[in-house]
Structures are given as structure tokens and as C-alpha cells.
PDB file of N, CA and C in Angstrom:
ATOM      1  N   MET A   1     -12.582 -23.217   2.328  1.00  0.00           N
ATOM      2  CA  MET A   1     -12.978 -21.819   2.278  1.00  0.00           C
ATOM      3  C   MET A   1     -11.791 -20.825   2.462  1.00  0.00           C
ATOM      4  N   LYS A   2     -10.879 -21.232   3.437  1.00  0.00           N
ATOM      5  CA  LYS A   2      -9.754 -20.359   3.708  1.00  0.00           C
ATOM      6  C   LYS A   2      -8.780 -20.411   2.462  1.00  0.00           C
ATOM      7  N   LYS A   3      -8.693 -21.501   1.869  1.00  0.00           N
ATOM      8  CA  LYS A   3      -7.777 -21.636   0.756  1.00  0.00           C
ATOM      9  C   LYS A   3      -8.417 -20.738  -0.497  1.00  0.00           C
ATOM     10  N   LEU A   4      -9.679 -20.730  -0.574  1.00  0.00           N
ATOM     11  CA  LEU A   4     -10.320 -19.886  -1.648  1.00  0.00           C
ATOM     12  C   LEU A   4     -10.043 -18.444  -1.353  1.00  0.00           C
ATOM     13  N   MET A   5     -10.208 -18.023  -0.151  1.00  0.00           N
ATOM     14  CA  MET A   5      -9.979 -16.635   0.279  1.00  0.00           C
ATOM     15  C   MET A   5      -8.458 -16.243   0.046  1.00  0.00           C
ATOM     16  N   ALA A   6      -7.511 -17.122   0.338  1.00  0.00           N
ATOM     17  CA  ALA A   6      -6.159 -17.009   0.097  1.00  0.00           C
ATOM     18  C   ALA A   6      -5.884 -16.831  -1.369  1.00  0.00           C
ATOM     19  N   LEU A   7      -6.523 -17.703  -2.216  1.00  0.00           N
ATOM     20  CA  LEU A   7      -6.419 -17.599  -3.641  1.00  0.00           C
ATOM     21  C   LEU A   7      -6.875 -16.268  -4.214  1.00  0.00           C
ATOM     22  N   VAL A   8      -8.017 -15.877  -3.693  1.00  0.00           N
ATOM     23  CA  VAL A   8      -8.562 -14.569  -4.152  1.00  0.00           C
ATOM     24  C   VAL A   8      -7.660 -13.376  -3.833  1.00  0.00           C
ATOM     25  N   LEU A   9      -7.164 -13.402  -2.599  1.00  0.00           N
ATOM     26  CA  LEU A   9      -6.286 -12.394  -2.146  1.00  0.00           C
ATOM     27  C   LEU A   9      -4.961 -12.356  -2.907  1.00  0.00           C
ATOM     28  N   THR A  10      -4.455 -13.573  -3.227  1.00  0.00           N
ATOM     29  CA  THR A  10      -3.221 -13.760  -3.991  1.00  0.00           C
ATOM     30  C   THR A  10      -3.432 -13.109  -5.380  1.00  0.00           C
ATOM     31  N   LEU A  11      -4.584 -13.471  -6.025  1.00  0.00           N
ATOM     32  CA  LEU A  11      -4.795 -12.995  -7.404  1.00  0.00           C
ATOM     33  C   LEU A  11      -4.965 -11.437  -7.380  1.00  0.00           C
ATOM     34  N   ALA A  12      -5.720 -10.938  -6.331  1.00  0.00           N
ATOM     35  CA  ALA A  12      -6.029  -9.508  -6.349  1.00  0.00           C
ATOM     36  C   ALA A  12      -4.665  -8.724  -6.105  1.00  0.00           C
ATOM     37  N   SER A  13      -3.925  -9.145  -5.075  1.00  0.00           N
ATOM     38  CA  SER A  13      -2.621  -8.496  -4.796  1.00  0.00           C
ATOM     39  C   SER A  13      -1.639  -8.647  -6.008  1.00  0.00           C
ATOM     40  N   GLY A  14      -1.647  -9.734  -6.545  1.00  0.00           N
ATOM     41  CA  GLY A  14      -0.748  -9.936  -7.797  1.00  0.00           C
ATOM     42  C   GLY A  14      -1.132  -9.034  -8.955  1.00  0.00           C
ATOM     43  N   LEU A  15      -2.428  -8.849  -9.190  1.00  0.00           N
ATOM     44  CA  LEU A  15      -2.854  -7.958 -10.194  1.00  0.00           C
ATOM     45  C   LEU A  15      -2.593  -6.461  -9.869  1.00  0.00           C
ATOM     46  N   TYR A  16      -2.667  -6.224  -8.600  1.00  0.00           N
ATOM     47  CA  TYR A  16      -2.312  -4.863  -8.058  1.00  0.00           C
ATOM     48  C   TYR A  16      -0.824  -4.552  -8.348  1.00  0.00           C
ATOM     49  N   LEU A  17      -0.022  -5.604  -8.057  1.00  0.00           N
ATOM     50  CA  LEU A  17       1.497  -5.399  -8.251  1.00  0.00           C
ATOM     51  C   LEU A  17       1.788  -5.368  -9.775  1.00  0.00           C
ATOM     52  N   VAL A  18       1.119  -6.036 -10.566  1.00  0.00           N
ATOM     53  CA  VAL A  18       1.395  -5.986 -11.997  1.00  0.00           C
ATOM     54  C   VAL A  18       0.984  -4.661 -12.695  1.00  0.00           C
ATOM     55  N   PHE A  19      -0.254  -4.293 -12.308  1.00  0.00           N
ATOM     56  CA  PHE A  19      -0.865  -3.079 -12.833  1.00  0.00           C
ATOM     57  C   PHE A  19      -0.752  -1.977 -11.886  1.00  0.00           C
ATOM     58  N   GLY A  20       0.539  -1.676 -11.357  1.00  0.00           N
ATOM     59  CA  GLY A  20       0.767  -0.676 -10.373  1.00  0.00           C
ATOM     60  C   GLY A  20       0.594   0.738 -10.824  1.00  0.00           C
ATOM     61  N   TRP A  21       0.550   0.952 -12.179  1.00  0.00           N
ATOM     62  CA  TRP A  21       0.357   2.232 -12.695  1.00  0.00           C
ATOM     63  C   TRP A  21      -1.046   2.748 -12.614  1.00  0.00           C
ATOM     64  N   VAL A  22      -2.013   1.840 -12.239  1.00  0.00           N
ATOM     65  CA  VAL A  22      -3.409   2.254 -12.002  1.00  0.00           C
ATOM     66  C   VAL A  22      -3.460   3.075 -10.790  1.00  0.00           C
ATOM     67  N   PRO A  23      -4.182   4.225 -10.765  1.00  0.00           N
ATOM     68  CA  PRO A  23      -4.312   5.077  -9.625  1.00  0.00           C
ATOM     69  C   PRO A  23      -4.791   4.320  -8.345  1.00  0.00           C
ATOM     70  N   ASP A  24      -4.275   4.636  -7.214  1.00  0.00           N
ATOM     71  CA  ASP A  24      -4.588   3.889  -5.992  1.00  0.00           C
ATOM     72  C   ASP A  24      -6.062   4.121  -5.598  1.00  0.00           C
ATOM     73  N   PRO A  25      -6.816   3.030  -5.516  1.00  0.00           N
ATOM     74  CA  PRO A  25      -8.144   3.158  -5.013  1.00  0.00           C
ATOM     75  C   PRO A  25      -8.220   3.451  -3.543  1.00  0.00           C
ATOM     76  N   ILE A  26      -7.283   2.846  -2.879  1.00  0.00           N
ATOM     77  CA  ILE A  26      -7.148   3.110  -1.450  1.00  0.00           C
ATOM     78  C   ILE A  26      -5.796   3.697  -1.126  1.00  0.00           C
ATOM     79  N   PRO A  27      -5.684   4.905  -0.703  1.00  0.00           N
ATOM     80  CA  PRO A  27      -4.377   5.598  -0.600  1.00  0.00           C
ATOM     81  C   PRO A  27      -3.347   4.858   0.260  1.00  0.00           C
ATOM     82  N   PHE A  28      -3.722   4.207   1.370  1.00  0.00           N
ATOM     83  CA  PHE A  28      -2.849   3.593   2.291  1.00  0.00           C
ATOM     84  C   PHE A  28      -2.352   2.221   1.833  1.00  0.00           C
ATOM     85  N   LEU A  29      -2.990   1.659   0.731  1.00  0.00           N
ATOM     86  CA  LEU A  29      -2.641   0.432   0.256  1.00  0.00           C
ATOM     87  C   LEU A  29      -1.557   0.600  -0.857  1.00  0.00           C
ATOM     88  N   ASP A  30      -0.357   0.451  -0.590  1.00  0.00           N
ATOM     89  CA  ASP A  30       0.741   0.690  -1.613  1.00  0.00           C
ATOM     90  C   ASP A  30       1.276  -0.635  -1.960  1.00  0.00           C
ATOM     91  N   GLU A  31       2.344  -0.610  -2.799  1.00  0.00           N
ATOM     92  CA  GLU A  31       2.974  -1.837  -3.318  1.00  0.00           C
ATOM     93  C   GLU A  31       3.544  -2.715  -2.235  1.00  0.00           C
ATOM     94  N   GLY A  32       4.090  -2.020  -1.153  1.00  0.00           N
ATOM     95  CA  GLY A  32       4.601  -2.873  -0.008  1.00  0.00           C
ATOM     96  C   GLY A  32       3.662  -3.688   0.557  1.00  0.00           C
ATOM     97  N   ALA A  33       2.469  -3.181   0.928  1.00  0.00           N
ATOM     98  CA  ALA A  33       1.451  -3.916   1.599  1.00  0.00           C
ATOM     99  C   ALA A  33       0.956  -4.988   0.637  1.00  0.00           C
ATOM    100  N   ALA A  34       0.774  -4.680  -0.619  1.00  0.00           N
ATOM    101  CA  ALA A  34       0.262  -5.677  -1.553  1.00  0.00           C
ATOM    102  C   ALA A  34       1.281  -6.830  -1.670  1.00  0.00           C
ATOM    103  N   LEU A  35       2.580  -6.519  -1.628  1.00  0.00           N
ATOM    104  CA  LEU A  35       3.625  -7.570  -1.646  1.00  0.00           C
ATOM    105  C   LEU A  35       3.510  -8.494  -0.415  1.00  0.00           C
ATOM    106  N   LEU A  36       3.341  -7.849   0.811  1.00  0.00           N
ATOM    107  CA  LEU A  36       3.193  -8.604   2.026  1.00  0.00           C
ATOM    108  C   LEU A  36       1.991  -9.573   1.913  1.00  0.00           C
ATOM    109  N   VAL A  37       0.893  -9.057   1.454  1.00  0.00           N
ATOM    110  CA  VAL A  37      -0.362  -9.875   1.292  1.00  0.00           C
ATOM    111  C   VAL A  37      -0.049 -10.992   0.292  1.00  0.00           C
ATOM    112  N   PHE A  38       0.572 -10.671  -0.772  1.00  0.00           N
ATOM    113  CA  PHE A  38       0.854 -11.652  -1.812  1.00  0.00           C
ATOM    114  C   PHE A  38       1.662 -12.754  -1.329  1.00  0.00           C
ATOM    115  N   LEU A  39       2.825 -12.469  -0.662  1.00  0.00           N
ATOM    116  CA  LEU A  39       3.767 -13.434  -0.106  1.00  0.00           C
ATOM    117  C   LEU A  39       3.165 -14.301   0.986  1.00  0.00           C
ATOM    118  N   ASN A  40       2.446 -13.639   1.847  1.00  0.00           N
ATOM    119  CA  ASN A  40       1.849 -14.466   2.899  1.00  0.00           C
ATOM    120  C   ASN A  40       0.731 -15.376   2.352  1.00  0.00           C
ATOM    121  N   CYS A  41      -0.039 -14.972   1.415  1.00  0.00           N
ATOM    122  CA  CYS A  41      -1.043 -15.804   0.839  1.00  0.00           C
ATOM    123  C   CYS A  41      -0.483 -16.976   0.116  1.00  0.00           C
ATOM    124  N   LEU A  42       0.653 -16.667  -0.641  1.00  0.00           N
ATOM    125  CA  LEU A  42       1.373 -17.788  -1.271  1.00  0.00           C
ATOM    126  C   LEU A  42       1.960 -18.770  -0.334  1.00  0.00           C
ATOM    127  N   ALA A  43       2.440 -18.241   0.845  1.00  0.00           N
ATOM    128  CA  ALA A  43       2.967 -19.177   1.849  1.00  0.00           C
ATOM    129  C   ALA A  43       1.860 -20.017   2.419  1.00  0.00           C
ATOM    130  N   TYR A  44       0.717 -19.450   2.640  1.00  0.00           N
ATOM    131  CA  TYR A  44      -0.391 -20.254   3.124  1.00  0.00           C
ATOM    132  C   TYR A  44      -0.835 -21.323   2.099  1.00  0.00           C
ATOM    133  N   LEU A  45      -0.735 -20.991   0.810  1.00  0.00           N
ATOM    134  CA  LEU A  45      -1.120 -21.941  -0.196  1.00  0.00           C
ATOM    135  C   LEU A  45       0.020 -23.027  -0.464  1.00  0.00           C
ATOM    136  N   GLY A  46       1.141 -22.881   0.162  1.00  0.00           N
ATOM    137  CA  GLY A  46       2.184 -23.894   0.093  1.00  0.00           C
ATOM    138  C   GLY A  46       3.435 -23.460  -0.672  1.00  0.00           C
ATOM    139  N   MET A  47       3.534 -22.322  -1.227  1.00  0.00           N
ATOM    140  CA  MET A  47       4.666 -21.810  -1.974  1.00  0.00           C
ATOM    141  C   MET A  47       5.285 -20.665  -1.273  1.00  0.00           C
ATOM    142  N   ASP A  48       6.215 -20.986  -0.313  1.00  0.00           N
ATOM    143  CA  ASP A  48       6.803 -19.929   0.553  1.00  0.00           C
ATOM    144  C   ASP A  48       7.974 -19.279  -0.084  1.00  0.00           C
ATOM    145  N   LEU A  49       7.750 -18.085  -0.599  1.00  0.00           N
ATOM    146  CA  LEU A  49       8.791 -17.343  -1.218  1.00  0.00           C
ATOM    147  C   LEU A  49       9.365 -16.147  -0.386  1.00  0.00           C
ATOM    148  N   ARG A  50       8.970 -16.155   0.917  1.00  0.00           N
ATOM    149  CA  ARG A  50       9.287 -15.044   1.744  1.00  0.00           C
ATOM    150  C   ARG A  50      10.780 -15.071   2.082  1.00  0.00           C
ATOM    151  N   ARG A  51      11.550 -16.142   1.945  1.00  0.00           N
ATOM    152  CA  ARG A  51      12.906 -16.156   2.265  1.00  0.00           C
ATOM    153  C   ARG A  51      13.709 -15.363   1.212  1.00  0.00           C
ATOM    154  N   PHE A  52      13.198 -15.203   0.079  1.00  0.00           N
ATOM    155  CA  PHE A  52      13.864 -14.340  -0.980  1.00  0.00           C
ATOM    156  C   PHE A  52      13.764 -12.957  -0.706  1.00  0.00           C
ATOM    157  N   PHE A  53      12.860 -12.507   0.152  1.00  0.00           N
ATOM    158  CA  PHE A  53      12.626 -11.117   0.432  1.00  0.00           C
ATOM    159  C   PHE A  53      13.093 -10.781   1.781  1.00  0.00           C
ATOM    160  N   GLY A  54      13.851 -11.589   2.439  1.00  0.00           N
ATOM    161  CA  GLY A  54      14.416 -11.330   3.775  1.00  0.00           C
ATOM    162  C   GLY A  54      13.520 -11.599   4.952  1.00  0.00           C
ATOM    163  N   MET A  55      12.337 -12.201   4.676  1.00  0.00           N
ATOM    164  CA  MET A  55      11.457 -12.591   5.811  1.00  0.00           C
ATOM    165  C   MET A  55      11.614 -14.025   5.979  1.00  0.00           C
ATOM    166  N   LYS A  56      12.139 -14.409   7.150  1.00  0.00           N
ATOM    167  CA  LYS A  56      12.386 -15.852   7.564  1.00  0.00           C
ATOM    168  C   LYS A  56      11.098 -16.441   7.982  1.00  0.00           C
ATOM    169  N   PRO A  57      10.842 -17.649   7.547  1.00  0.00           N
ATOM    170  CA  PRO A  57       9.681 -18.319   8.110  1.00  0.00           C
ATOM    171  C   PRO A  57       9.933 -18.731   9.619  1.00  0.00           C
ATOM    172  N   LYS A  58       8.885 -18.758  10.387  1.00  0.00           N
ATOM    173  CA  LYS A  58       8.977 -19.083  11.786  1.00  0.00           C
ATOM    174  C   LYS A  58       9.553 -20.488  11.939  1.00  0.00           C
ATOM    175  N   ASP A  59      10.581 -20.705  12.782  1.00  0.00           N
ATOM    176  CA  ASP A  59      11.117 -21.986  13.047  1.00  0.00           C
ATOM    177  C   ASP A  59      10.315 -22.658  14.110  1.00  0.00           C
ATOM    178  N   LYS A  60       9.606 -23.673  13.811  1.00  0.00           N
ATOM    179  CA  LYS A  60       8.666 -24.326  14.778  1.00  0.00           C
ATOM    180  C   LYS A  60       9.566 -25.219  15.717  1.00  0.00           C
ATOM    181  N   SER A  61      10.699 -25.696  15.222  1.00  0.00           N
ATOM    182  CA  SER A  61      11.486 -26.641  16.000  1.00  0.00           C
ATOM    183  C   SER A  61      12.151 -25.997  17.183  1.00  0.00           C
ATOM    184  N   ALA A  62      12.500 -24.667  17.086  1.00  0.00           N
ATOM    185  CA  ALA A  62      13.203 -23.961  18.139  1.00  0.00           C
ATOM    186  C   ALA A  62      12.228 -23.758  19.314  1.00  0.00           C
ATOM    187  N   ARG A  63      10.937 -23.594  19.063  1.00  0.00           N
ATOM    188  CA  ARG A  63       9.935 -23.388  20.128  1.00  0.00           C
ATOM    189  C   ARG A  63       9.707 -24.686  20.904  1.00  0.00           C
ATOM    190  N   SER A  64       9.865 -25.753  20.257  1.00  0.00           N
ATOM    191  CA  SER A  64       9.491 -27.091  20.900  1.00  0.00           C
ATOM    192  C   SER A  64      10.680 -27.877  21.466  1.00  0.00           C
ATOM    193  N   GLN A  65      11.794 -27.203  21.554  1.00  0.00           N
ATOM    194  CA  GLN A  65      12.965 -27.861  22.201  1.00  0.00           C
ATOM    195  C   GLN A  65      12.817 -28.006  23.650  1.00  0.00           C
ATOM    196  N   THR A  66      13.175 -29.186  24.141  1.00  0.00           N
ATOM    197  CA  THR A  66      13.177 -29.435  25.553  1.00  0.00           C
ATOM    198  C   THR A  66      14.503 -29.093  26.150  1.00  0.00           C
ATOM    199  N   ILE A  67      14.487 -28.208  27.211  1.00  0.00           N
ATOM    200  CA  ILE A  67      15.677 -27.935  27.841  1.00  0.00           C
ATOM    201  C   ILE A  67      15.724 -28.673  29.296  1.00  0.00           C
ATOM    202  N   ASP A  68      16.697 -29.454  29.492  1.00  0.00           N
ATOM    203  CA  ASP A  68      16.789 -30.300  30.727  1.00  0.00           C
ATOM    204  C   ASP A  68      17.779 -29.577  31.654  1.00  0.00           C
ATOM    205  N   VAL A  69      17.254 -29.171  32.771  1.00  0.00           N
ATOM    206  CA  VAL A  69      18.129 -28.491  33.718  1.00  0.00           C
ATOM    207  C   VAL A  69      18.210 -29.407  34.939  1.00  0.00           C
ATOM    208  N   ASP A  70      19.547 -29.683  35.254  1.00  0.00           N
ATOM    209  CA  ASP A  70      19.827 -30.545  36.385  1.00  0.00           C
ATOM    210  C   ASP A  70      20.072 -29.708  37.643  1.00  0.00           C
TER     211      ASP A  70
END
């Protein structure tokens, strides 16, 4: 169900980005917010393109490092 919702949001935000000349149905939803939704939904679906836009994916290995203090 979550993947279906991510797919629907990806398609909706992608269409909004492609047809950006359409008047805004919601004034606070601009192209930047649509791009964030699009990139995050693609990352959830397995295609992480956020690194090309300056958003670094969270490094899980840095959080799980063990620091041994003597």
C-alpha cells in the first residue's frame, strides 16, 4: 500500500513538474515542493536521485559506529 501511494505521488508530482504552466491549484505548492516530493518518492521506490540535487542520503553506517573509550 505504501509503494502504491509513493507511486501515485511520484506520478502526480512529476506531472505537476512537466505541466508547470498550468495555474497553481494550491498557491503554496510550487515547483520546489513538487520536486522534493518527487525525489523522495523515487528514493522510497529505490531510485535515489537526491545526490544530483545536493541532498545527501542519510549515512546509516555513521550512526551505528561503536566508539570504544578506554
